[in-house]
C-alpha cells in the first residue's frame, strides 16, 4: 500500500492535498470536525463518555482498514450465529 492510499490526519490524500469527499459535504464535515474538537475538550461531555465506557479517541485510517479486513475475514457461519444470538 502506498502512503497516499490513506488520508493523513487532516483527511487529505497525497502530496497535493484534497479531501475525498463531495464538495457539497465539505461545510458539514468542517462543522462536524469543529464540534468534535469542542466536545472532546468539554469536561462534562468527557465525564459522560467515560461513564458510558465509550472511547473518545479517533482511529487512524490504517487501524480502521485492518479492522475492516478482519471483519470481512470472519467466517459466514460465525456471523450467522452471532446474528441469531443478538435477535
N, C-alpha and C. Protein backbone atom coordinates (compact mmCIF):
# COMPACT_ATOMS: atom_id res chain seq x y z
N UNK A 1 0.84 -1.17 0.00
CA UNK A 1 0.00 0.00 0.00
C UNK A 1 0.89 1.24 0.00
N UNK A 2 0.56 2.19 -0.83
CA UNK A 2 1.33 3.41 -0.91
C UNK A 2 0.85 4.38 0.17
N UNK A 3 1.74 5.27 0.57
CA UNK A 3 1.43 6.21 1.63
C UNK A 3 0.20 7.06 1.31
N UNK A 4 0.00 7.40 0.04
CA UNK A 4 -1.11 8.27 -0.30
C UNK A 4 -2.41 7.52 -0.57
N UNK A 5 -2.42 6.21 -0.32
CA UNK A 5 -3.67 5.45 -0.43
C UNK A 5 -4.61 5.77 0.72
N UNK A 6 -4.06 6.23 1.83
CA UNK A 6 -4.85 6.57 3.00
C UNK A 6 -4.70 8.06 3.28
N UNK A 7 -5.71 8.68 3.86
CA UNK A 7 -5.60 10.11 4.15
C UNK A 7 -4.69 10.37 5.34
N UNK A 8 -4.13 11.59 5.37
CA UNK A 8 -3.32 11.97 6.52
C UNK A 8 -4.27 12.40 7.66
N UNK A 9 -3.72 12.96 8.71
CA UNK A 9 -4.51 13.32 9.89
C UNK A 9 -5.59 14.35 9.58
N UNK A 10 -5.39 15.16 8.52
CA UNK A 10 -6.39 16.16 8.16
C UNK A 10 -7.38 15.64 7.13
N UNK A 11 -7.24 14.36 6.73
CA UNK A 11 -8.15 13.79 5.75
C UNK A 11 -7.74 14.04 4.32
N UNK A 12 -6.49 14.48 4.10
CA UNK A 12 -6.01 14.78 2.76
C UNK A 12 -5.25 13.60 2.18
N UNK A 13 -5.35 13.44 0.86
CA UNK A 13 -4.67 12.37 0.15
C UNK A 13 -3.51 12.93 -0.66
N UNK A 14 -2.36 12.27 -0.57
CA UNK A 14 -1.23 12.59 -1.44
C UNK A 14 -0.58 13.93 -1.13
N UNK A 15 0.49 14.22 -1.86
CA UNK A 15 1.27 15.43 -1.59
C UNK A 15 0.55 16.72 -1.97
N UNK A 16 -0.51 16.64 -2.75
CA UNK A 16 -1.19 17.86 -3.21
C UNK A 16 -2.46 18.14 -2.43
N UNK A 17 -2.71 17.37 -1.42
CA UNK A 17 -3.88 17.60 -0.59
C UNK A 17 -5.14 17.08 -1.24
N UNK A 18 -6.22 17.69 -0.91
CA UNK A 18 -7.50 17.27 -1.44
C UNK A 18 -8.16 16.26 -0.53
N UNK A 19 -9.40 16.50 -0.20
CA UNK A 19 -10.15 15.59 0.65
C UNK A 19 -11.09 14.80 -0.25
N UNK A 20 -11.16 13.51 -0.04
CA UNK A 20 -12.00 12.65 -0.87
C UNK A 20 -13.43 12.68 -0.35
N UNK A 21 -14.10 13.77 -0.66
CA UNK A 21 -15.49 13.93 -0.23
C UNK A 21 -16.16 14.90 -1.21
N UNK A 22 -17.44 14.70 -1.42
CA UNK A 22 -18.18 15.58 -2.34
C UNK A 22 -18.12 17.01 -1.83
N UNK A 23 -17.99 17.93 -2.74
CA UNK A 23 -17.88 19.35 -2.39
C UNK A 23 -19.07 19.82 -1.56
N UNK A 24 -20.24 19.26 -1.82
CA UNK A 24 -21.43 19.67 -1.08
C UNK A 24 -21.38 19.27 0.39
N UNK A 25 -20.48 18.35 0.76
CA UNK A 25 -20.38 17.90 2.15
C UNK A 25 -19.27 18.59 2.93
N UNK A 26 -18.44 19.38 2.25
CA UNK A 26 -17.27 19.98 2.91
C UNK A 26 -17.70 20.83 4.11
N UNK A 27 -18.71 21.67 3.94
CA UNK A 27 -19.15 22.55 5.04
C UNK A 27 -19.64 21.72 6.23
N UNK A 28 -20.44 20.69 5.95
CA UNK A 28 -20.95 19.83 7.03
C UNK A 28 -19.80 19.12 7.75
N UNK A 29 -18.81 18.66 7.00
CA UNK A 29 -17.66 17.99 7.63
C UNK A 29 -16.86 18.95 8.49
N UNK A 30 -16.70 20.19 8.00
CA UNK A 30 -15.99 21.20 8.80
C UNK A 30 -16.73 21.46 10.11
N UNK A 31 -18.06 21.54 10.05
CA UNK A 31 -18.86 21.72 11.27
C UNK A 31 -18.71 20.53 12.20
N UNK A 32 -18.71 19.33 11.63
CA UNK A 32 -18.57 18.12 12.44
C UNK A 32 -17.21 18.08 13.13
N UNK A 33 -16.16 18.42 12.39
CA UNK A 33 -14.81 18.44 12.99
C UNK A 33 -14.73 19.47 14.12
N UNK A 34 -15.30 20.65 13.89
CA UNK A 34 -15.28 21.70 14.92
C UNK A 34 -16.05 21.25 16.16
N UNK A 35 -17.21 20.63 15.98
CA UNK A 35 -18.00 20.14 17.11
C UNK A 35 -17.24 19.05 17.86
N UNK A 36 -16.61 18.15 17.12
CA UNK A 36 -15.84 17.09 17.77
C UNK A 36 -14.74 17.68 18.64
N UNK A 37 -13.98 18.64 18.07
CA UNK A 37 -12.90 19.25 18.84
C UNK A 37 -13.43 19.98 20.07
N UNK A 38 -14.57 20.65 19.93
CA UNK A 38 -15.17 21.38 21.06
C UNK A 38 -15.60 20.40 22.15
N UNK A 39 -16.31 19.35 21.78
CA UNK A 39 -16.85 18.44 22.78
C UNK A 39 -15.81 17.51 23.39
N UNK A 40 -14.78 17.18 22.65
CA UNK A 40 -13.79 16.29 23.26
C UNK A 40 -12.98 16.99 24.33
N UNK A 41 -13.07 18.32 24.40
CA UNK A 41 -12.39 19.10 25.45
C UNK A 41 -13.37 19.55 26.53
N UNK A 42 -14.65 19.25 26.36
CA UNK A 42 -15.68 19.64 27.32
C UNK A 42 -15.68 18.66 28.48
N UNK A 43 -15.34 19.11 29.71
CA UNK A 43 -15.23 18.19 30.85
C UNK A 43 -16.51 17.40 31.14
N UNK A 44 -17.65 18.04 31.00
CA UNK A 44 -18.92 17.35 31.27
C UNK A 44 -19.16 16.24 30.24
N UNK A 45 -18.89 16.53 28.99
CA UNK A 45 -19.06 15.53 27.94
C UNK A 45 -18.07 14.37 28.12
N UNK A 46 -16.81 14.70 28.41
CA UNK A 46 -15.79 13.66 28.62
C UNK A 46 -16.17 12.76 29.78
N UNK A 47 -16.70 13.35 30.85
CA UNK A 47 -17.13 12.54 32.00
C UNK A 47 -18.27 11.61 31.61
N UNK A 48 -19.21 12.11 30.81
CA UNK A 48 -20.33 11.27 30.37
C UNK A 48 -19.83 10.12 29.49
N UNK A 49 -18.87 10.40 28.62
CA UNK A 49 -18.31 9.36 27.76
C UNK A 49 -17.64 8.28 28.61
N UNK A 50 -16.88 8.70 29.60
CA UNK A 50 -16.20 7.74 30.47
C UNK A 50 -17.21 6.89 31.25
N UNK A 51 -18.29 7.50 31.74
CA UNK A 51 -19.32 6.74 32.45
C UNK A 51 -19.97 5.71 31.53
N UNK A 52 -20.07 6.06 30.26
CA UNK A 52 -20.69 5.16 29.28
C UNK A 52 -19.72 4.11 28.75
N UNK A 53 -18.46 4.23 29.14
CA UNK A 53 -17.40 3.31 28.72
C UNK A 53 -17.19 3.32 27.20
N UNK A 54 -17.35 4.50 26.60
CA UNK A 54 -17.05 4.68 25.19
C UNK A 54 -15.62 5.17 25.04
N UNK A 55 -15.09 5.07 23.84
CA UNK A 55 -13.74 5.54 23.54
C UNK A 55 -13.86 6.85 22.77
N UNK A 56 -13.24 7.89 23.26
CA UNK A 56 -13.34 9.21 22.65
C UNK A 56 -12.23 9.48 21.64
N UNK A 57 -11.21 8.65 21.60
CA UNK A 57 -10.08 8.89 20.70
C UNK A 57 -10.38 8.37 19.30
N UNK A 58 -10.12 9.21 18.29
CA UNK A 58 -10.37 8.76 16.91
C UNK A 58 -9.32 7.73 16.48
N UNK A 59 -9.68 6.90 15.53
CA UNK A 59 -8.77 5.89 14.98
C UNK A 59 -8.21 6.39 13.65
N UNK A 60 -6.99 6.00 13.33
CA UNK A 60 -6.43 6.40 12.04
C UNK A 60 -6.88 5.43 10.95
N UNK A 61 -6.67 5.83 9.72
CA UNK A 61 -7.12 5.04 8.58
C UNK A 61 -6.54 3.64 8.54
N UNK A 62 -5.27 3.48 8.90
CA UNK A 62 -4.63 2.17 8.86
C UNK A 62 -5.30 1.21 9.85
N UNK A 63 -5.61 1.71 11.04
CA UNK A 63 -6.26 0.86 12.05
C UNK A 63 -7.66 0.45 11.58
N UNK A 64 -8.40 1.40 11.03
CA UNK A 64 -9.74 1.09 10.55
C UNK A 64 -9.71 0.12 9.39
N UNK A 65 -8.74 0.28 8.50
CA UNK A 65 -8.62 -0.65 7.37
C UNK A 65 -8.33 -2.07 7.87
N UNK A 66 -7.45 -2.20 8.85
CA UNK A 66 -7.14 -3.52 9.41
C UNK A 66 -8.38 -4.14 10.07
N UNK A 67 -9.14 -3.33 10.77
CA UNK A 67 -10.36 -3.80 11.43
C UNK A 67 -11.38 -4.29 10.40
N UNK A 68 -11.55 -3.54 9.33
CA UNK A 68 -12.49 -3.93 8.28
C UNK A 68 -12.06 -5.22 7.61
N UNK A 69 -10.76 -5.37 7.34
CA UNK A 69 -10.26 -6.61 6.74
C UNK A 69 -10.53 -7.80 7.66
N UNK A 70 -10.35 -7.58 8.96
CA UNK A 70 -10.59 -8.65 9.93
C UNK A 70 -12.08 -9.03 9.95
N UNK A 71 -12.94 -8.02 9.89
CA UNK A 71 -14.37 -8.30 9.88
C UNK A 71 -14.78 -9.07 8.63
N UNK A 72 -14.23 -8.67 7.47
CA UNK A 72 -14.57 -9.37 6.24
C UNK A 72 -14.03 -10.80 6.22
N UNK A 73 -13.00 -11.07 7.01
CA UNK A 73 -12.42 -12.41 7.06
C UNK A 73 -13.17 -13.34 8.02
N UNK A 74 -14.12 -12.79 8.76
CA UNK A 74 -14.89 -13.60 9.70
C UNK A 74 -15.73 -14.62 8.93
N UNK A 75 -15.64 -15.90 9.30
CA UNK A 75 -16.42 -16.92 8.61
C UNK A 75 -17.92 -16.63 8.66
N UNK A 76 -18.60 -16.94 7.58
CA UNK A 76 -20.03 -16.67 7.46
C UNK A 76 -20.82 -17.37 8.57
N UNK A 77 -20.42 -18.58 8.93
CA UNK A 77 -21.13 -19.32 9.99
C UNK A 77 -21.08 -18.56 11.31
N UNK A 78 -19.96 -17.93 11.61
CA UNK A 78 -19.83 -17.16 12.86
C UNK A 78 -20.76 -15.95 12.83
N UNK A 79 -20.78 -15.26 11.71
CA UNK A 79 -21.64 -14.09 11.57
C UNK A 79 -23.11 -14.48 11.72
N UNK A 80 -23.50 -15.59 11.11
CA UNK A 80 -24.89 -16.03 11.21
C UNK A 80 -25.25 -16.40 12.65
N UNK A 81 -24.33 -17.06 13.34
CA UNK A 81 -24.61 -17.45 14.72
C UNK A 81 -24.73 -16.22 15.62
N UNK A 82 -23.84 -15.27 15.47
CA UNK A 82 -23.91 -14.05 16.26
C UNK A 82 -25.20 -13.30 15.96
N UNK A 83 -25.58 -13.27 14.70
CA UNK A 83 -26.84 -12.60 14.32
C UNK A 83 -28.03 -13.24 15.02
N UNK A 84 -28.05 -14.56 15.08
CA UNK A 84 -29.15 -15.25 15.78
C UNK A 84 -29.12 -14.95 17.28
N UNK A 85 -27.93 -14.88 17.87
CA UNK A 85 -27.82 -14.61 19.31
C UNK A 85 -28.25 -13.19 19.65
N UNK A 86 -28.03 -12.27 18.76
CA UNK A 86 -28.38 -10.86 19.01
C UNK A 86 -29.89 -10.68 18.99
N UNK A 87 -30.58 -11.43 18.13
CA UNK A 87 -32.04 -11.27 17.99
C UNK A 87 -32.78 -11.70 19.19
